[in-house]
Structure formats: structure tokens, C-alpha cells
Amino acid sequence: MSNNITDISWQEIIEYNPEGQIKKEIGSSFFRGENCNFNPYKKDFENADFLESFLLKGWLPEKPFITKSTKITALGSCFATHLTTYLTNIGYSLSKERDPEVYISSMGEGLVNTYALRQQFEWALCNERPPDNLWHGFRAEEFGYRDEVRERTRKVFLETDFFIITLGLSEIWYDEVTGGVFWRAVPKRFYDPTRHKFRVCSFDETKQNIRRISELIFKHVPRARILFTLSPIPLAATFRPASCMTANSASKAILRAALDEFYRDNTELLNKKLFYFPGYEIMAELFPNKFVDDNRHPHDDIILFIMKLFEAVYCESPITLAEVNALFQELREKNIASLTSADSNAP
């Protein structure tokens, strides 16, 4: 990376010329460290290797390692569900297909906070039963703690080669009497204002839960690899006395920061046993027209792109990063054009 310095009236402008990128002009002569990776200029999005240079850098495995015989368990927010469906359809082995009735399969998309995820691992692997009446489905039906389900969940975990865990939100409902955290919220028929409370899970709690989940996996399934990712889906509503948009920003920031510090604490495992997939950053940074009319769920073509990118990065598959880069260029162009079209059709 070559650079030149230009004096102006009140500061120096340093000109950087990263290989294969648009020239960068940065206002400051301060030393920027040995790893200086720039935010892309708009023209950089047209680079044939944009995804590797600006999105995936620092997070790539040495080579793809998921084969058709790799046993995968994906749980957490809806990214896990999309990935399960996509990988199953192209012939990979997902736990939801191997045992569709255990909770991590039937309710995997509902396990969106770090406590709910941690509960499944402690219950299955350590026989640590949480307080009663915390686990409920999308119709508010109660899920119990049957030993038969626990043993089957344990079996799924112990057979897993690759865990994909998607974190969704930091807002939690809990039982003040027992301290137990609900999977999602409190069903209306059970709600007791004297004991059921709402709060935002702290950074320290979040990081501790991530660490505990990882420790349990590596202790009981030492051969396993773990990938964490962050759901880009915003909150539908917040229970805080603040706007949902600002509450969502805080919720995601807590999760993302806790993940990042956890990775920085474990650099020796990064891209070997621990992985991060930037699904959240894809939605936040790459497409101006992100969501359908509910302003929460991504357009289908963006979801498909994310799935193909995951396949190219992690799976021993015919699809290459070069092909996904080309798909990205085409999709981004259409995505930008869709905004222009919407503006022109506005009344």
C-alpha cells in the first residue's frame, strides 16, 4: 500500500493506494496501525473481489470444510431456519431433518436470546433443568422438560460436527421470583405483573452466555466447530419506553459487541474452531432496499444471495466466491434500480 502526503491549511491529507481498490484520501497524518482496512468508497462496490476485500476479510476459513456427511445443527433466529432449508435442499445433513421434533428443531427460530440458547445446551448436556413454565411456542403452548426429549437433544448435539448459532435480540422477559428467562415473552394467560418482568440483557451477561455455550460444546463435543452470526431482522416492537428503532439499534449493538469481544478473547481459535458469518453486515451495508413492506424481512433474492455466499465460503461445493461476487454485482444493481423505480411510481 503506497501513500503520499498533501498539506492543506489545517491538516494533512494522506493518499493511500490499496491494491485493487479506489484510491483513498484520509484527513489525518496519524499512524493507522499495521492492519488498516478501509470502508469502501461507492466505486469499490464494483470490484470483482468486493466480498473478500470489504466484507469477509478476517473471517474466512482457510478453505471450505462442510461436506455432505458433515452433521450440522443450526438454531437461533430465522437465519438458522433459512440456512437449514437451503442446505437441506442441496443435500447437506441438518439436525432438523435428523430429528424434527426436538425443541431446537421445532422451535429453533424462537430461541432468539442468549439465555434461551444457553438453556438448551445446559439442559441437554448437563441435565440442568431451568425453572418451570419458561418454554413456550409460537401459539403460547407450553414445552415441558421431558427426559426423552432431553436425551434426544443430547444425542443431536453429541453427533454434531458444526454448530450454527444465530443471535436475535437482547430484550428478555424473566421471572423475578426464580430468575429464569423465557424463550420469547410471557404468554398472556400466564402473565403475572408481580413476578414477570422485562429488561435488556447486558453486554456482560451476553458475553458470558456466548462463552458458556462455547465451553459446553467444546467440552462435550471436542471435534465440533462453532459459527455465530447475528440476525439482521429488526425488533417488531420494543417493551422499552423508547422508540423501537433506537431500541433495536441498542439490542443488536449489545449482541454484536459481545460476539466481537468473545472472538478477540479467542483469537487462537478464530477461523479454525470459531467462525463468524457477517449476515447482519450484509443487510446493514450492502443493499439500500433491504426489506419488504413490513420493513423487517429481507427480499427473497437477498436471502438467496446470503445463502449462496455461505455455501461458497464454508461448503465443499461447485459454487465459487467469484460467482457469488458476480451475483452480488447484478443483485445490487437491481436493488438500487428498484428504489429509483419506486420513487418514480410514487404519487
Protein backbone atom coordinates (compact mmCIF):
# COMPACT_ATOMS: atom_id res chain seq x y z
CA MET A 1 0.00 0.00 0.00
CA SER A 2 1.71 3.21 -1.14
CA ASN A 3 0.80 6.62 0.23
CA ASN A 4 1.50 10.29 -0.36
CA ILE A 5 1.02 13.23 2.00
CA THR A 6 -0.54 16.52 0.89
CA ASP A 7 -0.51 19.61 3.10
CA ILE A 8 -3.67 21.69 3.36
CA SER A 9 -4.39 24.67 5.56
CA TRP A 10 -5.40 22.86 8.74
CA GLN A 11 -4.42 19.20 8.35
CA GLU A 12 -2.55 16.72 6.18
CA ILE A 13 -4.36 14.51 3.69
CA ILE A 14 -2.80 11.09 3.28
CA GLU A 15 -3.40 9.38 -0.03
CA TYR A 16 -3.49 5.58 0.14
CA ASN A 17 -3.49 3.28 -2.86
CA PRO A 18 -4.62 -0.16 -1.69
CA GLU A 19 -4.13 -2.77 -4.38
CA GLY A 20 -7.29 -3.33 -6.40
CA GLN A 21 -9.23 -0.53 -4.66
CA ILE A 22 -10.20 3.03 -5.38
CA LYS A 23 -7.58 5.48 -4.11
CA LYS A 24 -8.37 6.56 -0.53
CA GLU A 25 -7.78 10.07 0.78
CA ILE A 26 -7.79 10.28 4.55
CA GLY A 27 -7.65 13.50 6.50
CA SER A 28 -5.06 12.92 9.21
CA SER A 29 -1.40 12.10 9.37
CA PHE A 30 -1.74 9.90 12.45
CA PHE A 31 -0.34 6.39 12.23
CA ARG A 32 -3.17 3.98 11.46
CA GLY A 33 -1.64 0.69 12.51
CA GLU A 34 -0.44 -2.33 10.62
CA ASN A 35 -3.97 -3.54 9.75
CA CYS A 36 -5.62 -0.59 8.08
CA ASN A 37 -8.72 -1.79 6.24
CA PHE A 38 -10.79 0.98 4.66
CA ASN A 39 -14.52 1.37 4.43
CA PRO A 40 -15.44 1.04 0.73
CA TYR A 41 -16.00 4.05 -1.46
CA LYS A 42 -19.10 3.71 -3.65
CA LYS A 43 -16.97 2.80 -6.65
CA ASP A 44 -15.36 -0.06 -4.67
CA PHE A 45 -18.65 -1.96 -4.72
CA GLU A 46 -17.97 -2.71 -8.39
CA ASN A 47 -14.75 -4.62 -7.58
CA ALA A 48 -14.75 -8.24 -8.71
CA ASP A 49 -13.45 -9.27 -5.28
CA PHE A 50 -15.54 -6.85 -3.22
CA LEU A 51 -16.89 -9.51 -0.85
CA GLU A 52 -13.45 -10.84 0.09
CA SER A 53 -11.86 -7.39 0.36
CA PHE A 54 -14.53 -5.44 2.23
CA LEU A 55 -16.95 -7.90 3.86
CA LEU A 56 -15.28 -11.23 4.59
CA LYS A 57 -11.71 -10.13 5.29
CA GLY A 58 -10.54 -11.55 8.60
CA TRP A 59 -13.45 -14.02 8.84
CA LEU A 60 -12.66 -16.59 6.15
CA PRO A 61 -11.71 -20.19 6.91
CA GLU A 62 -8.55 -21.50 5.28
CA LYS A 63 -10.79 -23.42 2.89
CA PRO A 64 -14.40 -24.67 2.76
CA PHE A 65 -14.87 -27.68 5.05
CA ILE A 66 -18.57 -28.64 5.15
CA THR A 67 -19.24 -31.83 3.21
CA LYS A 68 -22.46 -33.76 2.59
CA SER A 69 -21.51 -36.01 5.52
CA THR A 70 -20.92 -33.12 7.97
CA LYS A 71 -23.63 -33.14 10.63
CA ILE A 72 -24.88 -29.57 11.08
CA THR A 73 -27.06 -28.17 13.86
CA ALA A 74 -28.46 -24.70 13.17
CA LEU A 75 -30.53 -22.88 15.78
CA GLY A 76 -31.43 -19.41 16.87
CA SER A 77 -33.16 -16.74 14.84
CA CYS A 78 -34.62 -17.02 11.34
CA PHE A 79 -31.21 -17.08 9.62
CA ALA A 80 -30.80 -20.59 11.02
CA THR A 81 -34.17 -21.58 9.53
CA HIS A 82 -33.33 -20.17 6.09
CA LEU A 83 -29.95 -21.87 6.17
CA THR A 84 -31.43 -25.18 7.28
CA THR A 85 -33.92 -25.12 4.41
CA TYR A 86 -31.31 -24.09 1.84
CA LEU A 87 -28.62 -26.58 2.85
CA THR A 88 -31.13 -29.42 3.22
CA ASN A 89 -32.42 -28.78 -0.30
CA ILE A 90 -28.92 -29.11 -1.76
CA GLY A 91 -28.16 -32.31 0.09
CA TYR A 92 -26.48 -31.39 3.38
CA SER A 93 -27.20 -33.04 6.74
CA LEU A 94 -29.16 -30.81 9.16
CA SER A 95 -30.35 -31.80 12.62
CA LYS A 96 -33.84 -30.51 11.86
CA GLU A 97 -34.16 -33.31 9.34
CA ARG A 98 -32.48 -35.90 11.55
CA ASP A 99 -34.81 -35.20 14.49
CA PRO A 100 -37.51 -32.64 13.62
CA GLU A 101 -39.38 -32.92 16.93
CA VAL A 102 -36.74 -31.84 19.47
CA TYR A 103 -37.11 -28.24 20.57
CA ILE A 104 -34.02 -26.98 18.76
CA SER A 105 -35.70 -28.20 15.56
CA SER A 106 -39.35 -27.38 16.11
CA MET A 107 -38.74 -24.10 17.95
CA GLY A 108 -35.23 -23.24 16.78
CA GLU A 109 -36.35 -19.93 15.27
CA GLY A 110 -37.90 -18.97 18.61
CA LEU A 111 -34.67 -19.30 20.59
CA VAL A 112 -33.60 -15.75 19.88
CA ASN A 113 -31.97 -14.58 23.12
CA THR A 114 -28.70 -15.91 24.52
CA TYR A 115 -30.32 -17.25 27.69
CA ALA A 116 -32.79 -19.37 25.71
CA LEU A 117 -29.92 -20.82 23.68
CA ARG A 118 -27.79 -21.46 26.77
CA GLN A 119 -30.70 -23.25 28.46
CA GLN A 120 -30.86 -25.84 25.67
CA PHE A 121 -27.17 -26.69 25.98
CA GLU A 122 -27.15 -26.83 29.79
CA TRP A 123 -30.34 -28.89 29.84
CA ALA A 124 -29.25 -31.38 27.18
CA LEU A 125 -25.57 -31.73 28.03
CA CYS A 126 -25.52 -31.18 31.81
CA ASN A 127 -29.09 -32.11 32.82
CA GLU A 128 -29.50 -28.63 34.32
CA ARG A 129 -33.23 -28.01 34.34
CA PRO A 130 -34.37 -24.37 34.31
CA PRO A 131 -37.32 -23.16 36.41
CA ASP A 132 -40.74 -24.34 35.27
CA ASN A 133 -43.01 -22.68 32.73
CA LEU A 134 -40.38 -20.75 30.74
CA TRP A 135 -40.57 -22.51 27.38
CA HIS A 136 -43.49 -21.68 25.09
CA GLY A 137 -44.14 -21.99 21.37
CA PHE A 138 -45.45 -19.52 18.82
CA ARG A 139 -49.04 -20.27 19.89
CA ALA A 140 -48.14 -19.87 23.57
CA GLU A 141 -48.23 -23.65 24.02
CA GLU A 142 -46.06 -24.88 26.88
CA PHE A 143 -43.00 -27.03 26.27
CA GLY A 144 -42.01 -29.27 29.15
CA TYR A 145 -38.72 -30.79 30.28
CA ARG A 146 -39.32 -34.43 29.35
CA ASP A 147 -36.28 -36.65 29.76
CA GLU A 148 -37.00 -38.34 26.46
CA VAL A 149 -36.72 -35.01 24.60
CA ARG A 150 -33.63 -34.07 26.60
CA GLU A 151 -31.89 -37.34 25.68
CA ARG A 152 -32.75 -36.88 22.02
CA THR A 153 -31.47 -33.30 22.10
CA ARG A 154 -28.28 -34.51 23.75
CA LYS A 155 -27.87 -37.12 21.02
CA VAL A 156 -28.28 -34.45 18.32
CA PHE A 157 -25.69 -32.24 20.00
CA LEU A 158 -23.16 -35.05 20.53
CA GLU A 159 -23.43 -36.10 16.88
CA THR A 160 -22.97 -32.54 15.56
CA ASP A 161 -19.81 -31.56 13.68
CA PHE A 162 -20.74 -27.92 13.04
CA PHE A 163 -22.98 -25.68 15.14
CA ILE A 164 -24.52 -22.57 13.55
CA ILE A 165 -25.96 -20.30 16.24
CA THR A 166 -27.81 -17.13 15.33
CA LEU A 167 -28.37 -14.45 17.96
CA GLY A 168 -31.51 -12.35 17.59
CA LEU A 169 -32.20 -9.88 20.37
CA SER A 170 -31.12 -8.59 23.77
CA GLU A 171 -34.56 -7.80 25.18
CA ILE A 172 -35.78 -10.51 27.57
CA TRP A 173 -38.71 -11.36 29.83
CA TYR A 174 -37.88 -13.13 33.06
CA ASP A 175 -39.45 -14.46 36.25
CA GLU A 176 -38.32 -12.25 39.11
CA VAL A 177 -39.04 -15.00 41.65
CA THR A 178 -36.94 -17.74 40.03
CA GLY A 179 -34.62 -15.62 37.88
CA GLY A 180 -35.49 -17.81 34.90
CA VAL A 181 -35.57 -16.25 31.41
CA PHE A 182 -38.35 -17.05 28.94
CA TRP A 183 -37.69 -18.32 25.44
CA ARG A 184 -39.54 -15.37 23.99
CA ALA A 185 -42.18 -13.47 26.00
CA VAL A 186 -44.72 -14.37 28.68
CA PRO A 187 -47.96 -15.90 27.34
CA LYS A 188 -50.87 -13.62 28.20
CA ARG A 189 -52.72 -16.27 30.20
CA PHE A 190 -49.69 -16.78 32.46
CA TYR A 191 -48.65 -13.17 32.86
CA ASP A 192 -48.31 -12.10 36.48
CA PRO A 193 -47.16 -8.48 36.88
CA THR A 194 -45.91 -9.18 40.39
CA ARG A 195 -43.23 -11.55 39.13
CA HIS A 196 -42.88 -11.35 35.33
CA LYS A 197 -40.55 -8.52 34.36
CA PHE A 198 -38.84 -7.13 31.29
CA ARG A 199 -35.28 -5.91 30.89
CA VAL A 200 -32.44 -5.58 28.39
CA CYS A 201 -29.75 -8.23 28.69
CA SER A 202 -26.42 -6.58 29.46
CA PHE A 203 -23.21 -6.83 27.47
CA ASP A 204 -21.55 -8.84 30.27
CA GLU A 205 -24.45 -11.29 30.50
CA THR A 206 -24.49 -11.72 26.75
CA LYS A 207 -20.78 -12.40 26.53
CA GLN A 208 -20.96 -14.80 29.48
CA ASN A 209 -23.76 -16.74 27.79
CA ILE A 210 -21.85 -16.94 24.50
CA ARG A 211 -18.77 -18.16 26.36
CA ARG A 212 -20.77 -20.73 28.33
CA ILE A 213 -22.39 -22.15 25.20
CA SER A 214 -19.00 -22.46 23.51
CA GLU A 215 -17.38 -24.06 26.56
CA LEU A 216 -20.13 -26.66 26.78
CA ILE A 217 -19.82 -27.53 23.11
CA PHE A 218 -16.04 -27.84 23.19
CA LYS A 219 -16.16 -29.88 26.41
CA HIS A 220 -18.81 -32.38 25.30
CA VAL A 221 -18.20 -32.33 21.51
CA PRO A 222 -14.49 -31.50 21.24
CA ARG A 223 -14.30 -32.16 17.49
CA ALA A 224 -17.09 -29.65 16.78
CA ARG A 225 -16.73 -26.23 15.19
CA ILE A 226 -18.98 -23.29 16.05
CA LEU A 227 -20.21 -20.42 13.91
CA PHE A 228 -22.05 -17.49 15.43
CA THR A 229 -23.97 -14.99 13.41
CA LEU A 230 -26.29 -12.08 14.16
CA SER A 231 -29.80 -11.85 12.77
CA PRO A 232 -30.40 -8.70 10.71
CA ILE A 233 -34.16 -8.78 11.43
CA PRO A 234 -35.14 -5.70 13.46
CA LEU A 235 -37.39 -5.85 16.50
CA ALA A 236 -41.09 -5.89 15.64
CA ALA A 237 -41.71 -3.88 18.79
CA THR A 238 -39.91 -2.96 21.98
CA PHE A 239 -41.15 -3.07 25.55
CA ARG A 240 -38.87 -0.20 26.49
CA PRO A 241 -40.25 3.35 26.90
CA ALA A 242 -38.28 4.36 23.80
CA SER A 243 -38.73 4.17 20.05
CA CYS A 244 -38.40 0.72 18.54
CA MET A 245 -35.77 1.93 16.06
CA THR A 246 -33.44 3.14 18.79
CA ALA A 247 -34.14 0.10 20.99
CA ASN A 248 -33.33 -2.20 18.09
CA SER A 249 -30.03 -0.41 17.49
CA ALA A 250 -29.06 -0.98 21.13
CA SER A 251 -30.24 -4.61 21.10
CA LYS A 252 -28.14 -5.50 18.07
CA ALA A 253 -25.14 -3.50 19.29
CA ILE A 254 -25.02 -5.44 22.56
CA LEU A 255 -25.03 -8.77 20.73
CA ARG A 256 -22.52 -7.73 18.07
CA ALA A 257 -20.12 -6.17 20.56
CA ALA A 258 -20.27 -9.20 22.87
CA LEU A 259 -19.56 -11.52 19.96
CA ASP A 260 -16.67 -9.40 18.79
CA GLU A 261 -15.03 -9.27 22.20
CA PHE A 262 -15.54 -13.02 22.61
CA TYR A 263 -13.68 -13.58 19.33
CA ARG A 264 -10.93 -11.20 20.36
CA ASP A 265 -10.54 -13.21 23.57
CA ASN A 266 -10.12 -16.38 21.49
CA THR A 267 -8.02 -15.37 18.50
CA GLU A 268 -6.19 -18.70 18.54
CA LEU A 269 -9.49 -20.41 17.64
CA LEU A 270 -10.69 -17.86 15.10
CA ASN A 271 -11.37 -19.31 11.63
CA LYS A 272 -10.25 -22.73 12.92
CA LYS A 273 -12.78 -23.74 15.57
CA LEU A 274 -14.74 -20.48 15.91
CA PHE A 275 -16.27 -18.66 12.95
CA TYR A 276 -18.34 -15.57 12.27
CA PHE A 277 -20.60 -15.03 9.28
CA PRO A 278 -21.49 -11.36 8.60
CA GLY A 279 -25.18 -11.78 7.76
CA TYR A 280 -26.03 -8.70 9.80
CA GLU A 281 -23.46 -6.57 7.97
CA ILE A 282 -24.71 -7.78 4.59
CA MET A 283 -28.16 -6.37 5.30
CA ALA A 284 -26.86 -3.23 7.01
CA GLU A 285 -24.25 -2.25 4.43
CA LEU A 286 -24.69 -3.88 1.02
CA PHE A 287 -28.26 -3.24 -0.13
CA PRO A 288 -30.13 0.09 0.07
CA ASN A 289 -33.53 -1.57 -0.46
CA LYS A 290 -33.27 -4.23 2.24
CA PHE A 291 -36.73 -5.26 3.34
CA VAL A 292 -40.23 -5.98 2.07
CA ASP A 293 -43.14 -3.77 3.11
CA ASP A 294 -43.05 -4.83 6.78
CA ASN A 295 -39.56 -3.23 6.92
CA ARG A 296 -38.21 -6.27 8.76
CA HIS A 297 -37.88 -9.25 6.45
CA PRO A 298 -35.37 -9.29 3.58
CA HIS A 299 -36.33 -9.63 -0.05
CA ASP A 300 -36.15 -13.24 -1.28
CA ASP A 301 -33.33 -12.53 -3.72
CA ILE A 302 -31.18 -11.10 -0.91
CA ILE A 303 -31.84 -14.17 1.24
CA LEU A 304 -30.81 -16.40 -1.66
CA PHE A 305 -27.62 -14.38 -2.15
CA ILE A 306 -26.74 -14.74 1.54
CA MET A 307 -27.31 -18.50 1.35
CA LYS A 308 -25.11 -18.83 -1.73
CA LEU A 309 -22.39 -16.76 -0.10
CA PHE A 310 -22.46 -19.03 2.94
CA GLU A 311 -22.23 -22.06 0.67
CA ALA A 312 -19.25 -20.65 -1.23
CA VAL A 313 -17.37 -19.77 1.97
CA TYR A 314 -18.00 -22.89 4.06
CA CYS A 315 -19.18 -25.76 1.86
CA GLU A 316 -17.20 -28.03 -0.45
CA SER A 317 -19.42 -27.02 -3.34
CA PRO A 318 -19.09 -26.19 -7.04
CA ILE A 319 -20.13 -22.59 -6.36
CA THR A 320 -17.20 -20.18 -6.05
CA LEU A 321 -16.71 -16.81 -4.43
CA ALA A 322 -16.07 -15.35 -7.87
CA GLU A 323 -19.53 -16.48 -8.97
CA VAL A 324 -21.14 -15.09 -5.84
CA ASN A 325 -19.31 -11.79 -6.35
CA ALA A 326 -20.78 -11.62 -9.86
CA LEU A 327 -24.23 -12.42 -8.44
CA PHE A 328 -23.76 -9.64 -5.89
CA GLN A 329 -22.93 -7.06 -8.57
CA GLU A 330 -26.03 -7.98 -10.53
CA LEU A 331 -28.28 -8.07 -7.48
CA ARG A 332 -27.02 -4.78 -6.07
CA GLU A 333 -27.61 -3.04 -9.38
CA LYS A 334 -31.19 -4.32 -9.49
CA ASN A 335 -31.69 -3.43 -5.84
CA ILE A 336 -30.64 0.18 -6.40
CA ALA A 337 -32.80 0.36 -9.52
CA SER A 338 -35.80 -0.86 -7.52
CA LEU A 339 -35.55 2.22 -5.30
CA THR A 340 -35.45 4.50 -8.32
CA SER A 341 -38.45 2.72 -9.77
CA ALA A 342 -40.39 3.02 -6.53
CA ASP A 343 -39.65 6.75 -6.36
CA SER A 344 -40.81 7.31 -9.93
CA ASN A 345 -44.10 5.48 -9.26
CA ALA A 346 -44.82 7.41 -6.08
CA PRO A 347 -47.97 9.58 -6.23
